[in-house]
Each structure stands twice: as C-alpha cells, then as structure tokens.
PDB file of all heavy atoms in Angstrom:
ATOM      1  N   ILE A   1      -6.082   0.793   6.798  1.00  0.00           N
ATOM      2  CA  ILE A   1      -4.900   1.215   7.543  1.00  0.00           C
ATOM      3  C   ILE A   1      -3.769   0.276   7.161  1.00  0.00           C
ATOM      4  O   ILE A   1      -3.862  -0.930   7.363  1.00  0.00           O
ATOM      5  CB  ILE A   1      -5.153   1.174   9.065  1.00  0.00           C
ATOM      6  CG1 ILE A   1      -6.320   2.089   9.422  1.00  0.00           C
ATOM      7  CG2 ILE A   1      -3.898   1.570   9.823  1.00  0.00           C
ATOM      8  CD1 ILE A   1      -6.756   1.985  10.870  1.00  0.00           C
ATOM      9  N   ILE A   2      -2.709   0.833   6.618  1.00  0.00           N
ATOM     10  CA  ILE A   2      -1.568   0.031   6.172  1.00  0.00           C
ATOM     11  C   ILE A   2      -0.467   0.123   7.221  1.00  0.00           C
ATOM     12  O   ILE A   2       0.037   1.204   7.508  1.00  0.00           O
ATOM     13  CB  ILE A   2      -1.055   0.506   4.794  1.00  0.00           C
ATOM     14  CG1 ILE A   2      -2.189   0.389   3.771  1.00  0.00           C
ATOM     15  CG2 ILE A   2       0.160  -0.310   4.366  1.00  0.00           C
ATOM     16  CD1 ILE A   2      -1.861   0.979   2.430  1.00  0.00           C
ATOM     17  N   GLU A   3      -0.124  -1.034   7.784  1.00  0.00           N
ATOM     18  CA  GLU A   3       0.981  -1.134   8.735  1.00  0.00           C
ATOM     19  C   GLU A   3       2.173  -1.713   7.980  1.00  0.00           C
ATOM     20  O   GLU A   3       2.265  -2.917   7.801  1.00  0.00           O
ATOM     21  CB  GLU A   3       0.630  -2.060   9.893  1.00  0.00           C
ATOM     22  CG  GLU A   3      -0.446  -1.581  10.803  1.00  0.00           C
ATOM     23  CD  GLU A   3      -0.708  -2.563  11.943  1.00  0.00           C
ATOM     24  OE1 GLU A   3      -0.344  -3.738  11.829  1.00  0.00           O
ATOM     25  OE2 GLU A   3      -1.284  -2.125  12.931  1.00  0.00           O
ATOM     26  N   ALA A   4       3.049  -0.847   7.531  1.00  0.00           N
ATOM     27  CA  ALA A   4       4.210  -1.299   6.763  1.00  0.00           C
ATOM     28  C   ALA A   4       5.455  -1.230   7.632  1.00  0.00           C
ATOM     29  O   ALA A   4       5.681  -0.237   8.320  1.00  0.00           O
ATOM     30  CB  ALA A   4       4.387  -0.435   5.523  1.00  0.00           C
ATOM     31  N   ASP A   5       6.242  -2.281   7.590  1.00  0.00           N
ATOM     32  CA  ASP A   5       7.505  -2.324   8.322  1.00  0.00           C
ATOM     33  C   ASP A   5       8.434  -1.238   7.780  1.00  0.00           C
ATOM     34  O   ASP A   5       8.327  -0.829   6.631  1.00  0.00           O
ATOM     35  CB  ASP A   5       8.130  -3.711   8.141  1.00  0.00           C
ATOM     36  CG  ASP A   5       9.238  -3.962   9.132  1.00  0.00           C
ATOM     37  OD1 ASP A   5      10.346  -3.444   8.908  1.00  0.00           O
ATOM     38  OD2 ASP A   5       8.995  -4.668  10.122  1.00  0.00           O
ATOM     39  N   GLU A   6       9.361  -0.785   8.633  1.00  0.00           N
ATOM     40  CA  GLU A   6      10.307   0.254   8.207  1.00  0.00           C
ATOM     41  C   GLU A   6      11.120  -0.175   6.992  1.00  0.00           C
ATOM     42  O   GLU A   6      11.488   0.649   6.173  1.00  0.00           O
ATOM     43  CB  GLU A   6      11.276   0.596   9.352  1.00  0.00           C
ATOM     44  CG  GLU A   6      10.746   1.611  10.317  1.00  0.00           C
ATOM     45  CD  GLU A   6      11.786   1.983  11.361  1.00  0.00           C
ATOM     46  OE1 GLU A   6      12.461   1.079  11.886  1.00  0.00           O
ATOM     47  OE2 GLU A   6      11.911   3.181  11.646  1.00  0.00           O
ATOM     48  N   GLY A   7      11.389  -1.456   6.864  1.00  0.00           N
ATOM     49  CA  GLY A   7      12.223  -1.946   5.777  1.00  0.00           C
ATOM     50  C   GLY A   7      11.488  -2.186   4.467  1.00  0.00           C
ATOM     51  O   GLY A   7      12.098  -2.545   3.467  1.00  0.00           O
ATOM     52  N   VAL A   8      10.180  -1.990   4.435  1.00  0.00           N
ATOM     53  CA  VAL A   8       9.401  -2.219   3.219  1.00  0.00           C
ATOM     54  C   VAL A   8       9.643  -1.071   2.248  1.00  0.00           C
ATOM     55  O   VAL A   8       9.674   0.095   2.639  1.00  0.00           O
ATOM     56  CB  VAL A   8       7.891  -2.337   3.552  1.00  0.00           C
ATOM     57  CG1 VAL A   8       7.061  -2.404   2.294  1.00  0.00           C
ATOM     58  CG2 VAL A   8       7.648  -3.545   4.410  1.00  0.00           C
ATOM     59  N   THR A   9       9.791  -1.412   0.966  1.00  0.00           N
ATOM     60  CA  THR A   9      10.015  -0.369  -0.038  1.00  0.00           C
ATOM     61  C   THR A   9       8.748   0.450  -0.252  1.00  0.00           C
ATOM     62  O   THR A   9       7.628  -0.022  -0.063  1.00  0.00           O
ATOM     63  CB  THR A   9      10.446  -0.982  -1.388  1.00  0.00           C
ATOM     64  OG1 THR A   9       9.404  -1.837  -1.845  1.00  0.00           O
ATOM     65  CG2 THR A   9      11.739  -1.756  -1.244  1.00  0.00           C
ATOM     66  N   HIS A  10       8.948   1.671  -0.662  1.00  0.00           N
ATOM     67  CA  HIS A  10       7.841   2.590  -0.904  1.00  0.00           C
ATOM     68  C   HIS A  10       6.895   2.035  -1.969  1.00  0.00           C
ATOM     69  O   HIS A  10       5.678   2.181  -1.876  1.00  0.00           O
ATOM     70  CB  HIS A  10       8.410   3.952  -1.329  1.00  0.00           C
ATOM     71  CG  HIS A  10       7.389   4.989  -1.586  1.00  0.00           C
ATOM     72  ND1 HIS A  10       6.643   5.557  -0.590  1.00  0.00           N
ATOM     73  CD2 HIS A  10       6.972   5.562  -2.742  1.00  0.00           C
ATOM     74  CE1 HIS A  10       5.821   6.433  -1.111  1.00  0.00           C
ATOM     75  NE2 HIS A  10       5.998   6.469  -2.417  1.00  0.00           N
ATOM     76  N   GLY A  11       7.459   1.382  -2.961  1.00  0.00           N
ATOM     77  CA  GLY A  11       6.658   0.845  -4.055  1.00  0.00           C
ATOM     78  C   GLY A  11       5.655  -0.201  -3.596  1.00  0.00           C
ATOM     79  O   GLY A  11       4.534  -0.270  -4.119  1.00  0.00           O
ATOM     80  N   THR A  12       6.016  -1.015  -2.625  1.00  0.00           N
ATOM     81  CA  THR A  12       5.111  -2.042  -2.121  1.00  0.00           C
ATOM     82  C   THR A  12       3.914  -1.407  -1.420  1.00  0.00           C
ATOM     83  O   THR A  12       2.769  -1.824  -1.613  1.00  0.00           O
ATOM     84  CB  THR A  12       5.846  -2.987  -1.157  1.00  0.00           C
ATOM     85  OG1 THR A  12       6.988  -3.531  -1.816  1.00  0.00           O
ATOM     86  CG2 THR A  12       4.949  -4.113  -0.695  1.00  0.00           C
ATOM     87  N   VAL A  13       4.166  -0.383  -0.618  1.00  0.00           N
ATOM     88  CA  VAL A  13       3.084   0.308   0.084  1.00  0.00           C
ATOM     89  C   VAL A  13       2.159   0.990  -0.928  1.00  0.00           C
ATOM     90  O   VAL A  13       0.934   0.921  -0.825  1.00  0.00           O
ATOM     91  CB  VAL A  13       3.652   1.330   1.090  1.00  0.00           C
ATOM     92  CG1 VAL A  13       2.540   2.139   1.727  1.00  0.00           C
ATOM     93  CG2 VAL A  13       4.485   0.626   2.154  1.00  0.00           C
ATOM     94  N   VAL A  14       2.747   1.622  -1.922  1.00  0.00           N
ATOM     95  CA  VAL A  14       1.947   2.295  -2.949  1.00  0.00           C
ATOM     96  C   VAL A  14       1.120   1.270  -3.719  1.00  0.00           C
ATOM     97  O   VAL A  14      -0.049   1.524  -4.050  1.00  0.00           O
ATOM     98  CB  VAL A  14       2.856   3.113  -3.896  1.00  0.00           C
ATOM     99  CG1 VAL A  14       2.086   3.617  -5.096  1.00  0.00           C
ATOM    100  CG2 VAL A  14       3.492   4.267  -3.143  1.00  0.00           C
ATOM    101  N   HIS A  15       1.681   0.111  -3.980  1.00  0.00           N
ATOM    102  CA  HIS A  15       0.951  -0.940  -4.700  1.00  0.00           C
ATOM    103  C   HIS A  15      -0.290  -1.376  -3.915  1.00  0.00           C
ATOM    104  O   HIS A  15      -1.373  -1.524  -4.489  1.00  0.00           O
ATOM    105  CB  HIS A  15       1.874  -2.129  -4.975  1.00  0.00           C
ATOM    106  CG  HIS A  15       1.214  -3.253  -5.702  1.00  0.00           C
ATOM    107  ND1 HIS A  15       0.806  -3.150  -7.006  1.00  0.00           N
ATOM    108  CD2 HIS A  15       0.869  -4.500  -5.284  1.00  0.00           C
ATOM    109  CE1 HIS A  15       0.246  -4.286  -7.376  1.00  0.00           C
ATOM    110  NE2 HIS A  15       0.272  -5.124  -6.343  1.00  0.00           N
ATOM    111  N   VAL A  16      -0.142  -1.570  -2.598  1.00  0.00           N
ATOM    112  CA  VAL A  16      -1.283  -1.956  -1.763  1.00  0.00           C
ATOM    113  C   VAL A  16      -2.328  -0.835  -1.764  1.00  0.00           C
ATOM    114  O   VAL A  16      -3.532  -1.088  -1.856  1.00  0.00           O
ATOM    115  CB  VAL A  16      -0.833  -2.299  -0.327  1.00  0.00           C
ATOM    116  CG1 VAL A  16      -2.028  -2.501   0.596  1.00  0.00           C
ATOM    117  CG2 VAL A  16       0.045  -3.536  -0.324  1.00  0.00           C
ATOM    118  N   MET A  17      -1.860   0.405  -1.697  1.00  0.00           N
ATOM    119  CA  MET A  17      -2.789   1.537  -1.721  1.00  0.00           C
ATOM    120  C   MET A  17      -3.522   1.614  -3.065  1.00  0.00           C
ATOM    121  O   MET A  17      -4.725   1.905  -3.109  1.00  0.00           O
ATOM    122  CB  MET A  17      -2.039   2.838  -1.444  1.00  0.00           C
ATOM    123  CG  MET A  17      -1.490   2.923  -0.031  1.00  0.00           C
ATOM    124  SD  MET A  17      -0.481   4.365   0.253  1.00  0.00           S
ATOM    125  CE  MET A  17      -1.737   5.557   0.638  1.00  0.00           C
ATOM    126  N   GLU A  18      -2.832   1.328  -4.145  1.00  0.00           N
ATOM    127  CA  GLU A  18      -3.466   1.344  -5.471  1.00  0.00           C
ATOM    128  C   GLU A  18      -4.508   0.235  -5.597  1.00  0.00           C
ATOM    129  O   GLU A  18      -5.560   0.423  -6.212  1.00  0.00           O
ATOM    130  CB  GLU A  18      -2.420   1.210  -6.579  1.00  0.00           C
ATOM    131  CG  GLU A  18      -1.558   2.450  -6.760  1.00  0.00           C
ATOM    132  CD  GLU A  18      -2.384   3.670  -7.172  1.00  0.00           C
ATOM    133  OE1 GLU A  18      -3.311   3.528  -7.997  1.00  0.00           O
ATOM    134  OE2 GLU A  18      -2.089   4.760  -6.661  1.00  0.00           O
ATOM    135  N   LEU A  19      -4.226  -0.920  -5.014  1.00  0.00           N
ATOM    136  CA  LEU A  19      -5.216  -2.003  -5.016  1.00  0.00           C
ATOM    137  C   LEU A  19      -6.497  -1.563  -4.306  1.00  0.00           C
ATOM    138  O   LEU A  19      -7.609  -1.838  -4.772  1.00  0.00           O
ATOM    139  CB  LEU A  19      -4.654  -3.260  -4.346  1.00  0.00           C
ATOM    140  CG  LEU A  19      -3.555  -4.018  -5.073  1.00  0.00           C
ATOM    141  CD1 LEU A  19      -3.030  -5.163  -4.199  1.00  0.00           C
ATOM    142  CD2 LEU A  19      -4.054  -4.551  -6.392  1.00  0.00           C
ATOM    143  N   ALA A  20      -6.331  -0.868  -3.189  1.00  0.00           N
ATOM    144  CA  ALA A  20      -7.485  -0.388  -2.438  1.00  0.00           C
ATOM    145  C   ALA A  20      -8.243   0.675  -3.227  1.00  0.00           C
ATOM    146  O   ALA A  20      -9.478   0.653  -3.289  1.00  0.00           O
ATOM    147  CB  ALA A  20      -7.045   0.163  -1.085  1.00  0.00           C
ATOM    148  N   LYS A  21      -7.510   1.590  -3.846  1.00  0.00           N
ATOM    149  CA  LYS A  21      -8.167   2.652  -4.622  1.00  0.00           C
ATOM    150  C   LYS A  21      -8.873   2.081  -5.848  1.00  0.00           C
ATOM    151  O   LYS A  21      -9.962   2.530  -6.202  1.00  0.00           O
ATOM    152  CB  LYS A  21      -7.154   3.718  -5.044  1.00  0.00           C
ATOM    153  CG  LYS A  21      -6.738   4.609  -3.889  1.00  0.00           C
ATOM    154  CD  LYS A  21      -6.038   5.884  -4.300  1.00  0.00           C
ATOM    155  CE  LYS A  21      -4.905   5.691  -5.244  1.00  0.00           C
ATOM    156  NZ  LYS A  21      -4.133   6.913  -5.509  1.00  0.00           N
ATOM    157  N   ASP A  22      -8.280   1.091  -6.489  1.00  0.00           N
ATOM    158  CA  ASP A  22      -8.909   0.460  -7.649  1.00  0.00           C
ATOM    159  C   ASP A  22     -10.226  -0.222  -7.270  1.00  0.00           C
ATOM    160  O   ASP A  22     -11.146  -0.302  -8.076  1.00  0.00           O
ATOM    161  CB  ASP A  22      -7.974  -0.560  -8.302  1.00  0.00           C
ATOM    162  CG  ASP A  22      -6.806   0.105  -9.022  1.00  0.00           C
ATOM    163  OD1 ASP A  22      -6.876   1.326  -9.277  1.00  0.00           O
ATOM    164  OD2 ASP A  22      -5.823  -0.607  -9.309  1.00  0.00           O
ATOM    165  N   ALA A  23     -10.306  -0.717  -6.034  1.00  0.00           N
ATOM    166  CA  ALA A  23     -11.522  -1.368  -5.576  1.00  0.00           C
ATOM    167  C   ALA A  23     -12.597  -0.354  -5.173  1.00  0.00           C
ATOM    168  O   ALA A  23     -13.753  -0.715  -5.014  1.00  0.00           O
ATOM    169  CB  ALA A  23     -11.217  -2.285  -4.396  1.00  0.00           C
ATOM    170  N   GLY A  24     -12.194   0.916  -5.011  1.00  0.00           N
ATOM    171  CA  GLY A  24     -13.159   1.951  -4.644  1.00  0.00           C
ATOM    172  C   GLY A  24     -13.014   2.465  -3.228  1.00  0.00           C
ATOM    173  O   GLY A  24     -13.817   3.277  -2.780  1.00  0.00           O
ATOM    174  N   LEU A  25     -12.009   2.017  -2.515  1.00  0.00           N
ATOM    175  CA  LEU A  25     -11.772   2.508  -1.158  1.00  0.00           C
ATOM    176  C   LEU A  25     -10.949   3.795  -1.237  1.00  0.00           C
ATOM    177  O   LEU A  25      -9.892   3.823  -1.859  1.00  0.00           O
ATOM    178  CB  LEU A  25     -11.025   1.456  -0.332  1.00  0.00           C
ATOM    179  CG  LEU A  25     -11.805   0.175  -0.054  1.00  0.00           C
ATOM    180  CD1 LEU A  25     -10.890  -0.898   0.502  1.00  0.00           C
ATOM    181  CD2 LEU A  25     -12.936   0.449   0.917  1.00  0.00           C
TER     182      LEU A  25
END
C-alpha cells in the first residue's frame, strides 16, 4: 500500500511500484 503525499510527482510513485513489481509483488 503506497501512501503518497498529494505533492509527490507521479514518477516517484511509479518508481516505488516498479521496485515492488521487480521484486515479485
């Protein structure tokens, strides 16, 4: 579950999601 602040760029959230997907989540 990613809790991203409203001011966080879309790219940062996608990067965290990609890290999770690369690990197999």
